[in-house]
Amino acid sequence: MGNYPKSINASVLNDWFDSEREDPVLIDVREHSELEIACFSKEFLHVPVSKVTSEYVKEIFNGLKDREIVVTCHAGIRSYNFCQWCLDNNIVSEIWNLEEGIDGWSRYIDPSIPRY
């Protein structure tokens, strides 16, 4: 059986950020124009999916050893695909995908973030 991204919803991620547990590294794979519309209030790394290469991602993830990583996009599809790509290319052995992306975060956690 293959390795698949773990799913996390906005509520569980929010609880994680509020817990004593070390915050995950949040990676947003949306394009720059999307960040101008709606942006997380939490700290995140911007890794636009259109710029992804194996070397680029390995370089970023090298600095994140032993950190838990949660990936997001607009609705959770691009982030899931990015997570699966990272697993398939042995860049990580475990990675989380934020279900419903920033749209879900806006709906359930932070309604001040515009929906688009």
PDB file of N, CA and C in Angstrom:
ATOM      1  N   MET A   1       0.837  -1.190   0.000  1.00  0.00           N
ATOM      2  CA  MET A   1       0.000   0.000   0.000  1.00  0.00           C
ATOM      3  C   MET A   1       0.876   1.246   0.000  1.00  0.00           C
ATOM      4  N   GLY A   2       0.492   2.259  -0.773  1.00  0.00           N
ATOM      5  CA  GLY A   2       1.279   3.479  -0.886  1.00  0.00           C
ATOM      6  C   GLY A   2       1.141   4.392   0.318  1.00  0.00           C
ATOM      7  N   ASN A   3       1.959   5.405   0.311  1.00  0.00           N
ATOM      8  CA  ASN A   3       1.942   6.414   1.362  1.00  0.00           C
ATOM      9  C   ASN A   3       1.093   7.586   0.884  1.00  0.00           C
ATOM     10  N   TYR A   4       0.155   8.036   1.723  1.00  0.00           N
ATOM     11  CA  TYR A   4      -0.750   9.115   1.338  1.00  0.00           C
ATOM     12  C   TYR A   4      -0.679  10.261   2.333  1.00  0.00           C
ATOM     13  N   PRO A   5      -1.031  11.467   1.887  1.00  0.00           N
ATOM     14  CA  PRO A   5      -1.060  12.599   2.817  1.00  0.00           C
ATOM     15  C   PRO A   5      -2.096  12.365   3.916  1.00  0.00           C
ATOM     16  N   LYS A   6      -1.796  12.870   5.095  1.00  0.00           N
ATOM     17  CA  LYS A   6      -2.769  12.829   6.186  1.00  0.00           C
ATOM     18  C   LYS A   6      -3.695  14.024   6.007  1.00  0.00           C
ATOM     19  N   SER A   7      -4.956  13.843   6.345  1.00  0.00           N
ATOM     20  CA  SER A   7      -5.916  14.945   6.253  1.00  0.00           C
ATOM     21  C   SER A   7      -6.093  15.598   7.610  1.00  0.00           C
ATOM     22  N   ILE A   8      -6.263  16.918   7.589  1.00  0.00           N
ATOM     23  CA  ILE A   8      -6.552  17.668   8.805  1.00  0.00           C
ATOM     24  C   ILE A   8      -7.581  18.727   8.441  1.00  0.00           C
ATOM     25  N   ASN A   9      -8.565  18.936   9.316  1.00  0.00           N
ATOM     26  CA  ASN A   9      -9.549  19.976   9.009  1.00  0.00           C
ATOM     27  C   ASN A   9      -9.198  21.256   9.767  1.00  0.00           C
ATOM     28  N   ALA A  10      -9.875  22.329   9.429  1.00  0.00           N
ATOM     29  CA  ALA A  10      -9.558  23.646   9.988  1.00  0.00           C
ATOM     30  C   ALA A  10      -9.675  23.665  11.505  1.00  0.00           C
ATOM     31  N   SER A  11     -10.690  23.023  12.036  1.00  0.00           N
ATOM     32  CA  SER A  11     -10.905  23.019  13.481  1.00  0.00           C
ATOM     33  C   SER A  11      -9.762  22.316  14.219  1.00  0.00           C
ATOM     34  N   VAL A  12      -9.357  21.166  13.726  1.00  0.00           N
ATOM     35  CA  VAL A  12      -8.266  20.414  14.353  1.00  0.00           C
ATOM     36  C   VAL A  12      -6.949  21.186  14.221  1.00  0.00           C
ATOM     37  N   LEU A  13      -6.709  21.797  13.063  1.00  0.00           N
ATOM     38  CA  LEU A  13      -5.492  22.601  12.884  1.00  0.00           C
ATOM     39  C   LEU A  13      -5.500  23.791  13.837  1.00  0.00           C
ATOM     40  N   ASN A  14      -6.629  24.445  13.971  1.00  0.00           N
ATOM     41  CA  ASN A  14      -6.727  25.577  14.894  1.00  0.00           C
ATOM     42  C   ASN A  14      -6.429  25.139  16.330  1.00  0.00           C
ATOM     43  N   ASP A  15      -6.976  23.991  16.721  1.00  0.00           N
ATOM     44  CA  ASP A  15      -6.690  23.444  18.054  1.00  0.00           C
ATOM     45  C   ASP A  15      -5.197  23.150  18.219  1.00  0.00           C
ATOM     46  N   TRP A  16      -4.573  22.666  17.147  1.00  0.00           N
ATOM     47  CA  TRP A  16      -3.134  22.375  17.165  1.00  0.00           C
ATOM     48  C   TRP A  16      -2.365  23.669  17.427  1.00  0.00           C
ATOM     49  N   PHE A  17      -2.713  24.739  16.697  1.00  0.00           N
ATOM     50  CA  PHE A  17      -2.038  26.021  16.898  1.00  0.00           C
ATOM     51  C   PHE A  17      -2.230  26.540  18.329  1.00  0.00           C
ATOM     52  N   ASP A  18      -3.369  26.233  18.938  1.00  0.00           N
ATOM     53  CA  ASP A  18      -3.673  26.710  20.291  1.00  0.00           C
ATOM     54  C   ASP A  18      -3.129  25.797  21.393  1.00  0.00           C
ATOM     55  N   SER A  19      -2.557  24.670  21.024  1.00  0.00           N
ATOM     56  CA  SER A  19      -2.091  23.695  22.011  1.00  0.00           C
ATOM     57  C   SER A  19      -0.641  23.957  22.411  1.00  0.00           C
ATOM     58  N   GLU A  20      -0.162  23.144  23.324  1.00  0.00           N
ATOM     59  CA  GLU A  20       1.237  23.216  23.770  1.00  0.00           C
ATOM     60  C   GLU A  20       2.176  22.565  22.742  1.00  0.00           C
ATOM     61  N   ARG A  21       1.613  21.779  21.850  1.00  0.00           N
ATOM     62  CA  ARG A  21       2.383  21.082  20.818  1.00  0.00           C
ATOM     63  C   ARG A  21       3.053  22.112  19.905  1.00  0.00           C
ATOM     64  N   GLU A  22       4.245  21.792  19.416  1.00  0.00           N
ATOM     65  CA  GLU A  22       4.938  22.702  18.502  1.00  0.00           C
ATOM     66  C   GLU A  22       4.072  22.934  17.264  1.00  0.00           C
ATOM     67  N   ASP A  23       3.946  24.209  16.875  1.00  0.00           N
ATOM     68  CA  ASP A  23       3.152  24.536  15.687  1.00  0.00           C
ATOM     69  C   ASP A  23       3.717  23.829  14.465  1.00  0.00           C
ATOM     70  N   PRO A  24       2.835  23.382  13.580  1.00  0.00           N
ATOM     71  CA  PRO A  24       3.323  22.823  12.318  1.00  0.00           C
ATOM     72  C   PRO A  24       3.822  23.953  11.423  1.00  0.00           C
ATOM     73  N   VAL A  25       4.617  23.597  10.447  1.00  0.00           N
ATOM     74  CA  VAL A  25       4.996  24.549   9.405  1.00  0.00           C
ATOM     75  C   VAL A  25       3.853  24.553   8.401  1.00  0.00           C
ATOM     76  N   LEU A  26       3.289  25.712   8.165  1.00  0.00           N
ATOM     77  CA  LEU A  26       2.185  25.864   7.217  1.00  0.00           C
ATOM     78  C   LEU A  26       2.764  26.299   5.883  1.00  0.00           C
ATOM     79  N   ILE A  27       2.491  25.520   4.846  1.00  0.00           N
ATOM     80  CA  ILE A  27       2.963  25.849   3.496  1.00  0.00           C
ATOM     81  C   ILE A  27       1.745  26.105   2.624  1.00  0.00           C
ATOM     82  N   ASP A  28       1.722  27.276   1.998  1.00  0.00           N
ATOM     83  CA  ASP A  28       0.622  27.668   1.111  1.00  0.00           C
ATOM     84  C   ASP A  28       1.119  27.558  -0.321  1.00  0.00           C
ATOM     85  N   VAL A  29       0.454  26.726  -1.131  1.00  0.00           N
ATOM     86  CA  VAL A  29       0.905  26.488  -2.503  1.00  0.00           C
ATOM     87  C   VAL A  29       0.117  27.288  -3.543  1.00  0.00           C
ATOM     88  N   ARG A  30      -0.719  28.225  -3.072  1.00  0.00           N
ATOM     89  CA  ARG A  30      -1.471  29.053  -4.018  1.00  0.00           C
ATOM     90  C   ARG A  30      -0.543  30.037  -4.727  1.00  0.00           C
ATOM     91  N   GLU A  31      -1.061  30.632  -5.784  1.00  0.00           N
ATOM     92  CA  GLU A  31      -0.297  31.615  -6.538  1.00  0.00           C
ATOM     93  C   GLU A  31      -0.308  32.966  -5.814  1.00  0.00           C
ATOM     94  N   HIS A  32       0.644  33.813  -6.144  1.00  0.00           N
ATOM     95  CA  HIS A  32       0.790  35.120  -5.492  1.00  0.00           C
ATOM     96  C   HIS A  32      -0.496  35.943  -5.579  1.00  0.00           C
ATOM     97  N   SER A  33      -1.155  35.916  -6.723  1.00  0.00           N
ATOM     98  CA  SER A  33      -2.383  36.700  -6.903  1.00  0.00           C
ATOM     99  C   SER A  33      -3.474  36.254  -5.927  1.00  0.00           C
ATOM    100  N   GLU A  34      -3.476  34.967  -5.571  1.00  0.00           N
ATOM    101  CA  GLU A  34      -4.464  34.467  -4.614  1.00  0.00           C
ATOM    102  C   GLU A  34      -4.157  34.946  -3.197  1.00  0.00           C
ATOM    103  N   LEU A  35      -2.868  35.061  -2.871  1.00  0.00           N
ATOM    104  CA  LEU A  35      -2.481  35.559  -1.546  1.00  0.00           C
ATOM    105  C   LEU A  35      -2.927  37.008  -1.372  1.00  0.00           C
ATOM    106  N   GLU A  36      -2.966  37.754  -2.478  1.00  0.00           N
ATOM    107  CA  GLU A  36      -3.407  39.153  -2.418  1.00  0.00           C
ATOM    108  C   GLU A  36      -4.901  39.239  -2.094  1.00  0.00           C
ATOM    109  N   ILE A  37      -5.657  38.213  -2.421  1.00  0.00           N
ATOM    110  CA  ILE A  37      -7.096  38.182  -2.145  1.00  0.00           C
ATOM    111  C   ILE A  37      -7.359  37.724  -0.715  1.00  0.00           C
ATOM    112  N   ALA A  38      -6.734  36.620  -0.329  1.00  0.00           N
ATOM    113  CA  ALA A  38      -6.982  36.012   0.981  1.00  0.00           C
ATOM    114  C   ALA A  38      -5.690  35.411   1.510  1.00  0.00           C
ATOM    115  N   CYS A  39      -5.314  35.841   2.717  1.00  0.00           N
ATOM    116  CA  CYS A  39      -4.039  35.415   3.280  1.00  0.00           C
ATOM    117  C   CYS A  39      -4.236  34.917   4.712  1.00  0.00           C
ATOM    118  N   PHE A  40      -3.519  33.878   5.073  1.00  0.00           N
ATOM    119  CA  PHE A  40      -3.572  33.368   6.444  1.00  0.00           C
ATOM    120  C   PHE A  40      -3.030  34.396   7.422  1.00  0.00           C
ATOM    121  N   SER A  41      -3.619  34.439   8.608  1.00  0.00           N
ATOM    122  CA  SER A  41      -3.096  35.301   9.662  1.00  0.00           C
ATOM    123  C   SER A  41      -1.967  34.595  10.413  1.00  0.00           C
ATOM    124  N   LYS A  42      -1.841  33.288  10.220  1.00  0.00           N
ATOM    125  CA  LYS A  42      -0.744  32.509  10.807  1.00  0.00           C
ATOM    126  C   LYS A  42       0.477  32.624   9.906  1.00  0.00           C
ATOM    127  N   GLU A  43       1.647  32.427  10.498  1.00  0.00           N
ATOM    128  CA  GLU A  43       2.876  32.436   9.706  1.00  0.00           C
ATOM    129  C   GLU A  43       2.870  31.247   8.754  1.00  0.00           C
ATOM    130  N   PHE A  44       3.322  31.472   7.524  1.00  0.00           N
ATOM    131  CA  PHE A  44       3.355  30.379   6.548  1.00  0.00           C
ATOM    132  C   PHE A  44       4.483  30.596   5.564  1.00  0.00           C
ATOM    133  N   LEU A  45       4.864  29.526   4.880  1.00  0.00           N
ATOM    134  CA  LEU A  45       5.820  29.593   3.775  1.00  0.00           C
ATOM    135  C   LEU A  45       5.018  29.579   2.486  1.00  0.00           C
ATOM    136  N   HIS A  46       5.413  30.431   1.548  1.00  0.00           N
ATOM    137  CA  HIS A  46       4.731  30.464   0.258  1.00  0.00           C
ATOM    138  C   HIS A  46       5.563  29.678  -0.753  1.00  0.00           C
ATOM    139  N   VAL A  47       4.998  28.592  -1.243  1.00  0.00           N
ATOM    140  CA  VAL A  47       5.647  27.749  -2.254  1.00  0.00           C
ATOM    141  C   VAL A  47       4.645  27.565  -3.382  1.00  0.00           C
ATOM    142  N   PRO A  48       4.553  28.551  -4.299  1.00  0.00           N
ATOM    143  CA  PRO A  48       3.551  28.437  -5.364  1.00  0.00           C
ATOM    144  C   PRO A  48       3.764  27.182  -6.204  1.00  0.00           C
ATOM    145  N   VAL A  49       2.685  26.459  -6.403  1.00  0.00           N
ATOM    146  CA  VAL A  49       2.750  25.186  -7.112  1.00  0.00           C
ATOM    147  C   VAL A  49       3.331  25.363  -8.521  1.00  0.00           C
ATOM    148  N   SER A  50       3.121  26.518  -9.139  1.00  0.00           N
ATOM    149  CA  SER A  50       3.640  26.753 -10.495  1.00  0.00           C
ATOM    150  C   SER A  50       5.164  26.848 -10.526  1.00  0.00           C
ATOM    151  N   LYS A  51       5.796  27.040  -9.385  1.00  0.00           N
ATOM    152  CA  LYS A  51       7.256  27.191  -9.320  1.00  0.00           C
ATOM    153  C   LYS A  51       7.947  25.936  -8.786  1.00  0.00           C
ATOM    154  N   VAL A  52       7.168  24.900  -8.513  1.00  0.00           N
ATOM    155  CA  VAL A  52       7.715  23.713  -7.858  1.00  0.00           C
ATOM    156  C   VAL A  52       8.620  22.911  -8.781  1.00  0.00           C
ATOM    157  N   THR A  53       9.815  22.665  -8.280  1.00  0.00           N
ATOM    158  CA  THR A  53      10.728  21.696  -8.877  1.00  0.00           C
ATOM    159  C   THR A  53      11.245  20.847  -7.722  1.00  0.00           C
ATOM    160  N   SER A  54      11.739  19.695  -8.022  1.00  0.00           N
ATOM    161  CA  SER A  54      12.241  18.802  -6.991  1.00  0.00           C
ATOM    162  C   SER A  54      13.353  19.463  -6.176  1.00  0.00           C
ATOM    163  N   GLU A  55      14.290  20.127  -6.848  1.00  0.00           N
ATOM    164  CA  GLU A  55      15.414  20.763  -6.156  1.00  0.00           C
ATOM    165  C   GLU A  55      14.927  21.885  -5.244  1.00  0.00           C
ATOM    166  N   TYR A  56      14.020  22.698  -5.736  1.00  0.00           N
ATOM    167  CA  TYR A  56      13.469  23.827  -4.973  1.00  0.00           C
ATOM    168  C   TYR A  56      12.788  23.338  -3.704  1.00  0.00           C
ATOM    169  N   VAL A  57      11.957  22.326  -3.832  1.00  0.00           N
ATOM    170  CA  VAL A  57      11.214  21.809  -2.682  1.00  0.00           C
ATOM    171  C   VAL A  57      12.161  21.116  -1.699  1.00  0.00           C
ATOM    172  N   LYS A  58      13.112  20.324  -2.211  1.00  0.00           N
ATOM    173  CA  LYS A  58      14.069  19.661  -1.321  1.00  0.00           C
ATOM    174  C   LYS A  58      14.858  20.690  -0.518  1.00  0.00           C
ATOM    175  N   GLU A  59      15.238  21.780  -1.155  1.00  0.00           N
ATOM    176  CA  GLU A  59      15.990  22.838  -0.468  1.00  0.00           C
ATOM    177  C   GLU A  59      15.153  23.438   0.667  1.00  0.00           C
ATOM    178  N   ILE A  60      13.894  23.722   0.401  1.00  0.00           N
ATOM    179  CA  ILE A  60      13.005  24.283   1.423  1.00  0.00           C
ATOM    180  C   ILE A  60      12.810  23.283   2.560  1.00  0.00           C
ATOM    181  N   PHE A  61      12.540  22.043   2.217  1.00  0.00           N
ATOM    182  CA  PHE A  61      12.228  21.038   3.226  1.00  0.00           C
ATOM    183  C   PHE A  61      13.459  20.634   4.028  1.00  0.00           C
ATOM    184  N   ASN A  62      14.665  20.842   3.462  1.00  0.00           N
ATOM    185  CA  ASN A  62      15.897  20.558   4.201  1.00  0.00           C
ATOM    186  C   ASN A  62      15.956  21.335   5.502  1.00  0.00           C
ATOM    187  N   GLY A  63      15.468  22.566   5.479  1.00  0.00           N
ATOM    188  CA  GLY A  63      15.471  23.392   6.672  1.00  0.00           C
ATOM    189  C   GLY A  63      14.334  23.072   7.632  1.00  0.00           C
ATOM    190  N   LEU A  64      13.494  22.120   7.280  1.00  0.00           N
ATOM    191  CA  LEU A  64      12.321  21.792   8.094  1.00  0.00           C
ATOM    192  C   LEU A  64      12.397  20.391   8.697  1.00  0.00           C
ATOM    193  N   LYS A  65      13.597  19.831   8.757  1.00  0.00           N
ATOM    194  CA  LYS A  65      13.752  18.475   9.293  1.00  0.00           C
ATOM    195  C   LYS A  65      13.119  18.397  10.678  1.00  0.00           C
ATOM    196  N   ASP A  66      12.447  17.296  10.940  1.00  0.00           N
ATOM    197  CA  ASP A  66      11.808  17.019  12.228  1.00  0.00           C
ATOM    198  C   ASP A  66      10.657  17.968  12.558  1.00  0.00           C
ATOM    199  N   ARG A  67      10.159  18.707  11.588  1.00  0.00           N
ATOM    200  CA  ARG A  67       8.985  19.562  11.806  1.00  0.00           C
ATOM    201  C   ARG A  67       7.798  18.926  11.095  1.00  0.00           C
ATOM    202  N   GLU A  68       6.622  19.080  11.686  1.00  0.00           N
ATOM    203  CA  GLU A  68       5.419  18.594  11.026  1.00  0.00           C
ATOM    204  C   GLU A  68       4.958  19.671  10.049  1.00  0.00           C
ATOM    205  N   ILE A  69       4.504  19.240   8.868  1.00  0.00           N
ATOM    206  CA  ILE A  69       4.183  20.161   7.782  1.00  0.00           C
ATOM    207  C   ILE A  69       2.721  19.996   7.391  1.00  0.00           C
ATOM    208  N   VAL A  70       2.021  21.139   7.316  1.00  0.00           N
ATOM    209  CA  VAL A  70       0.644  21.174   6.838  1.00  0.00           C
ATOM    210  C   VAL A  70       0.625  22.041   5.591  1.00  0.00           C
ATOM    211  N   VAL A  71       0.048  21.511   4.519  1.00  0.00           N
ATOM    212  CA  VAL A  71       0.002  22.224   3.240  1.00  0.00           C
ATOM    213  C   VAL A  71      -1.428  22.653   2.957  1.00  0.00           C
ATOM    214  N   THR A  72      -1.558  23.860   2.412  1.00  0.00           N
ATOM    215  CA  THR A  72      -2.877  24.387   2.092  1.00  0.00           C
ATOM    216  C   THR A  72      -2.874  25.053   0.722  1.00  0.00           C
ATOM    217  N   CYS A  73      -4.075  25.213   0.204  1.00  0.00           N
ATOM    218  CA  CYS A  73      -4.292  25.973  -1.029  1.00  0.00           C
ATOM    219  C   CYS A  73      -5.661  26.628  -0.878  1.00  0.00           C
ATOM    220  N   HIS A  74      -6.380  26.799  -1.964  1.00  0.00           N
ATOM    221  CA  HIS A  74      -7.704  27.421  -1.878  1.00  0.00           C
ATOM    222  C   HIS A  74      -8.742  26.453  -1.318  1.00  0.00           C
ATOM    223  N   ALA A  75      -8.823  25.251  -1.874  1.00  0.00           N
ATOM    224  CA  ALA A  75      -9.882  24.315  -1.482  1.00  0.00           C
ATOM    225  C   ALA A  75      -9.373  22.937  -1.055  1.00  0.00           C
ATOM    226  N   GLY A  76      -8.069  22.731  -1.065  1.00  0.00           N
ATOM    227  CA  GLY A  76      -7.516  21.460  -0.610  1.00  0.00           C
ATOM    228  C   GLY A  76      -7.125  20.491  -1.709  1.00  0.00           C
ATOM    229  N   ILE A  77      -7.304  20.866  -2.968  1.00  0.00           N
ATOM    230  CA  ILE A  77      -6.991  19.957  -4.080  1.00  0.00           C
ATOM    231  C   ILE A  77      -5.518  20.078  -4.489  1.00  0.00           C
ATOM    232  N   ARG A  78      -5.078  21.296  -4.804  1.00  0.00           N
ATOM    233  CA  ARG A  78      -3.663  21.489  -5.184  1.00  0.00           C
ATOM    234  C   ARG A  78      -2.742  21.080  -4.037  1.00  0.00           C
ATOM    235  N   SER A  79      -3.147  21.404  -2.814  1.00  0.00           N
ATOM    236  CA  SER A  79      -2.307  21.049  -1.662  1.00  0.00           C
ATOM    237  C   SER A  79      -2.215  19.530  -1.515  1.00  0.00           C
ATOM    238  N   TYR A  80      -3.321  18.830  -1.728  1.00  0.00           N
ATOM    239  CA  TYR A  80      -3.293  17.365  -1.665  1.00  0.00           C
ATOM    240  C   TYR A  80      -2.334  16.818  -2.722  1.00  0.00           C
ATOM    241  N   ASN A  81      -2.443  17.333  -3.943  1.00  0.00           N
ATOM    242  CA  ASN A  81      -1.569  16.875  -5.029  1.00  0.00           C
ATOM    243  C   ASN A  81      -0.104  17.172  -4.728  1.00  0.00           C
ATOM    244  N   PHE A  82       0.161  18.354  -4.150  1.00  0.00           N
ATOM    245  CA  PHE A  82       1.530  18.715  -3.765  1.00  0.00           C
ATOM    246  C   PHE A  82       2.037  17.755  -2.682  1.00  0.00           C
ATOM    247  N   CYS A  83       1.199  17.477  -1.687  1.00  0.00           N
ATOM    248  CA  CYS A  83       1.574  16.535  -0.629  1.00  0.00           C
ATOM    249  C   CYS A  83       1.911  15.167  -1.216  1.00  0.00           C
ATOM    250  N   GLN A  84       1.053  14.683  -2.110  1.00  0.00           N
ATOM    251  CA  GLN A  84       1.282  13.371  -2.712  1.00  0.00           C
ATOM    252  C   GLN A  84       2.568  13.373  -3.525  1.00  0.00           C
ATOM    253  N   TRP A  85       2.830  14.455  -4.248  1.00  0.00           N
ATOM    254  CA  TRP A  85       4.060  14.583  -5.030  1.00  0.00           C
ATOM    255  C   TRP A  85       5.280  14.519  -4.105  1.00  0.00           C
ATOM    256  N   CYS A  86       5.204  15.226  -2.965  1.00  0.00           N
ATOM    257  CA  CYS A  86       6.317  15.208  -2.002  1.00  0.00           C
ATOM    258  C   CYS A  86       6.564  13.798  -1.472  1.00  0.00           C
ATOM    259  N   LEU A  87       5.502  13.067  -1.190  1.00  0.00           N
ATOM    260  CA  LEU A  87       5.634  11.692  -0.718  1.00  0.00           C
ATOM    261  C   LEU A  87       6.192  10.785  -1.814  1.00  0.00           C
ATOM    262  N   ASP A  88       5.643  10.921  -3.015  1.00  0.00           N
ATOM    263  CA  ASP A  88       6.073  10.078  -4.143  1.00  0.00           C
ATOM    264  C   ASP A  88       7.536  10.297  -4.504  1.00  0.00           C
ATOM    265  N   ASN A  89       8.039  11.517  -4.266  1.00  0.00           N
ATOM    266  CA  ASN A  89       9.430  11.848  -4.584  1.00  0.00           C
ATOM    267  C   ASN A  89      10.352  11.724  -3.375  1.00  0.00           C
ATOM    268  N   ASN A  90       9.852  11.089  -2.328  1.00  0.00           N
ATOM    269  CA  ASN A  90      10.638  10.841  -1.111  1.00  0.00           C
ATOM    270  C   ASN A  90      11.241  12.106  -0.513  1.00  0.00           C
ATOM    271  N   ILE A  91      10.523  13.218  -0.639  1.00  0.00           N
ATOM    272  CA  ILE A  91      10.975  14.471  -0.041  1.00  0.00           C
ATOM    273  C   ILE A  91      10.614  14.483   1.441  1.00  0.00           C
ATOM    274  N   VAL A  92       9.483  13.883   1.763  1.00  0.00           N
ATOM    275  CA  VAL A  92       9.035  13.722   3.151  1.00  0.00           C
ATOM    276  C   VAL A  92       8.475  12.315   3.316  1.00  0.00           C
ATOM    277  N   SER A  93       8.373  11.878   4.566  1.00  0.00           N
ATOM    278  CA  SER A  93       7.740  10.576   4.817  1.00  0.00           C
ATOM    279  C   SER A  93       6.342  10.763   5.404  1.00  0.00           C
ATOM    280  N   GLU A  94       6.043  11.998   5.850  1.00  0.00           N
ATOM    281  CA  GLU A  94       4.739  12.303   6.421  1.00  0.00           C
ATOM    282  C   GLU A  94       4.418  13.769   6.148  1.00  0.00           C
ATOM    283  N   ILE A  95       3.172  14.040   5.779  1.00  0.00           N
ATOM    284  CA  ILE A  95       2.763  15.406   5.472  1.00  0.00           C
ATOM    285  C   ILE A  95       1.243  15.492   5.615  1.00  0.00           C
ATOM    286  N   TRP A  96       0.761  16.645   6.021  1.00  0.00           N
ATOM    287  CA  TRP A  96      -0.669  16.870   6.249  1.00  0.00           C
ATOM    288  C   TRP A  96      -1.237  17.773   5.165  1.00  0.00           C
ATOM    289  N   ASN A  97      -2.469  17.497   4.768  1.00  0.00           N
ATOM    290  CA  ASN A  97      -3.190  18.345   3.826  1.00  0.00           C
ATOM    291  C   ASN A  97      -4.373  18.979   4.543  1.00  0.00           C
ATOM    292  N   LEU A  98      -4.489  20.319   4.448  1.00  0.00           N
ATOM    293  CA  LEU A  98      -5.616  21.009   5.068  1.00  0.00           C
ATOM    294  C   LEU A  98      -6.848  20.858   4.187  1.00  0.00           C
ATOM    295  N   GLU A  99      -7.818  20.073   4.670  1.00  0.00           N
ATOM    296  CA  GLU A  99      -9.071  19.884   3.947  1.00  0.00           C
ATOM    297  C   GLU A  99      -9.756  21.236   3.749  1.00  0.00           C
ATOM    298  N   GLU A 100     -10.281  21.469   2.591  1.00  0.00           N
ATOM    299  CA  GLU A 100     -11.013  22.688   2.233  1.00  0.00           C
ATOM    300  C   GLU A 100     -10.128  23.939   2.196  1.00  0.00           C
ATOM    301  N   GLY A 101      -8.841  23.815   2.425  1.00  0.00           N
ATOM    302  CA  GLY A 101      -7.901  24.920   2.272  1.00  0.00           C
ATOM    303  C   GLY A 101      -8.266  26.175   3.036  1.00  0.00           C
ATOM    304  N   ILE A 102      -7.809  27.307   2.492  1.00  0.00           N
ATOM    305  CA  ILE A 102      -8.077  28.580   3.157  1.00  0.00           C
ATOM    306  C   ILE A 102      -9.568  28.915   3.131  1.00  0.00           C
ATOM    307  N   ASP A 103     -10.284  28.368   2.163  1.00  0.00           N
ATOM    308  CA  ASP A 103     -11.729  28.600   2.121  1.00  0.00           C
ATOM    309  C   ASP A 103     -12.391  28.002   3.366  1.00  0.00           C
ATOM    310  N   GLY A 104     -12.006  26.798   3.743  1.00  0.00           N
ATOM    311  CA  GLY A 104     -12.524  26.180   4.959  1.00  0.00           C
ATOM    312  C   GLY A 104     -12.081  26.930   6.206  1.00  0.00           C
ATOM    313  N   TRP A 105     -10.830  27.403   6.200  1.00  0.00           N
ATOM    314  CA  TRP A 105     -10.315  28.172   7.334  1.00  0.00           C
ATOM    315  C   TRP A 105     -11.159  29.441   7.518  1.00  0.00           C
ATOM    316  N   SER A 106     -11.486  30.091   6.414  1.00  0.00           N
ATOM    317  CA  SER A 106     -12.321  31.303   6.469  1.00  0.00           C
ATOM    318  C   SER A 106     -13.732  30.973   6.961  1.00  0.00           C
ATOM    319  N   ARG A 107     -14.295  29.876   6.484  1.00  0.00           N
ATOM    320  CA  ARG A 107     -15.668  29.506   6.855  1.00  0.00           C
ATOM    321  C   ARG A 107     -15.786  29.099   8.318  1.00  0.00           C
ATOM    322  N   TYR A 108     -14.797  28.353   8.831  1.00  0.00           N
ATOM    323  CA  TYR A 108     -14.936  27.756  10.161  1.00  0.00           C
ATOM    324  C   TYR A 108     -14.134  28.451  11.261  1.00  0.00           C
ATOM    325  N   ILE A 109     -13.059  29.155  10.904  1.00  0.00           N
ATOM    326  CA  ILE A 109     -12.154  29.692  11.926  1.00  0.00           C
ATOM    327  C   ILE A 109     -12.043  31.209  11.886  1.00  0.00           C
ATOM    328  N   ASP A 110     -11.740  31.776  10.735  1.00  0.00           N
ATOM    329  CA  ASP A 110     -11.457  33.210  10.651  1.00  0.00           C
ATOM    330  C   ASP A 110     -12.260  33.854   9.532  1.00  0.00           C
ATOM    331  N   PRO A 111     -13.514  34.283   9.838  1.00  0.00           N
ATOM    332  CA  PRO A 111     -14.379  34.865   8.802  1.00  0.00           C
ATOM    333  C   PRO A 111     -13.882  36.214   8.287  1.00  0.00           C
ATOM    334  N   SER A 112     -12.833  36.781   8.889  1.00  0.00           N
ATOM    335  CA  SER A 112     -12.284  38.041   8.359  1.00  0.00           C
ATOM    336  C   SER A 112     -11.473  37.801   7.081  1.00  0.00           C
ATOM    337  N   ILE A 113     -11.140  36.550   6.789  1.00  0.00           N
ATOM    338  CA  ILE A 113     -10.413  36.225   5.556  1.00  0.00           C
ATOM    339  C   ILE A 113     -11.438  36.143   4.421  1.00  0.00           C
ATOM    340  N   PRO A 114     -11.234  36.959   3.380  1.00  0.00           N
ATOM    341  CA  PRO A 114     -12.201  36.956   2.261  1.00  0.00           C
ATOM    342  C   PRO A 114     -12.278  35.588   1.587  1.00  0.00           C
ATOM    343  N   ARG A 115     -13.472  35.223   1.160  1.00  0.00           N
ATOM    344  CA  ARG A 115     -13.665  33.996   0.388  1.00  0.00           C
ATOM    345  C   ARG A 115     -13.713  34.375  -1.094  1.00  0.00           C
ATOM    346  N   TYR A 116     -13.177  33.499  -1.906  1.00  0.00           N
ATOM    347  CA  TYR A 116     -13.194  33.743  -3.366  1.00  0.00           C
ATOM    348  C   TYR A 116     -13.405  32.468  -4.108  1.00  0.00           C
TER     349      TYR A 116
END
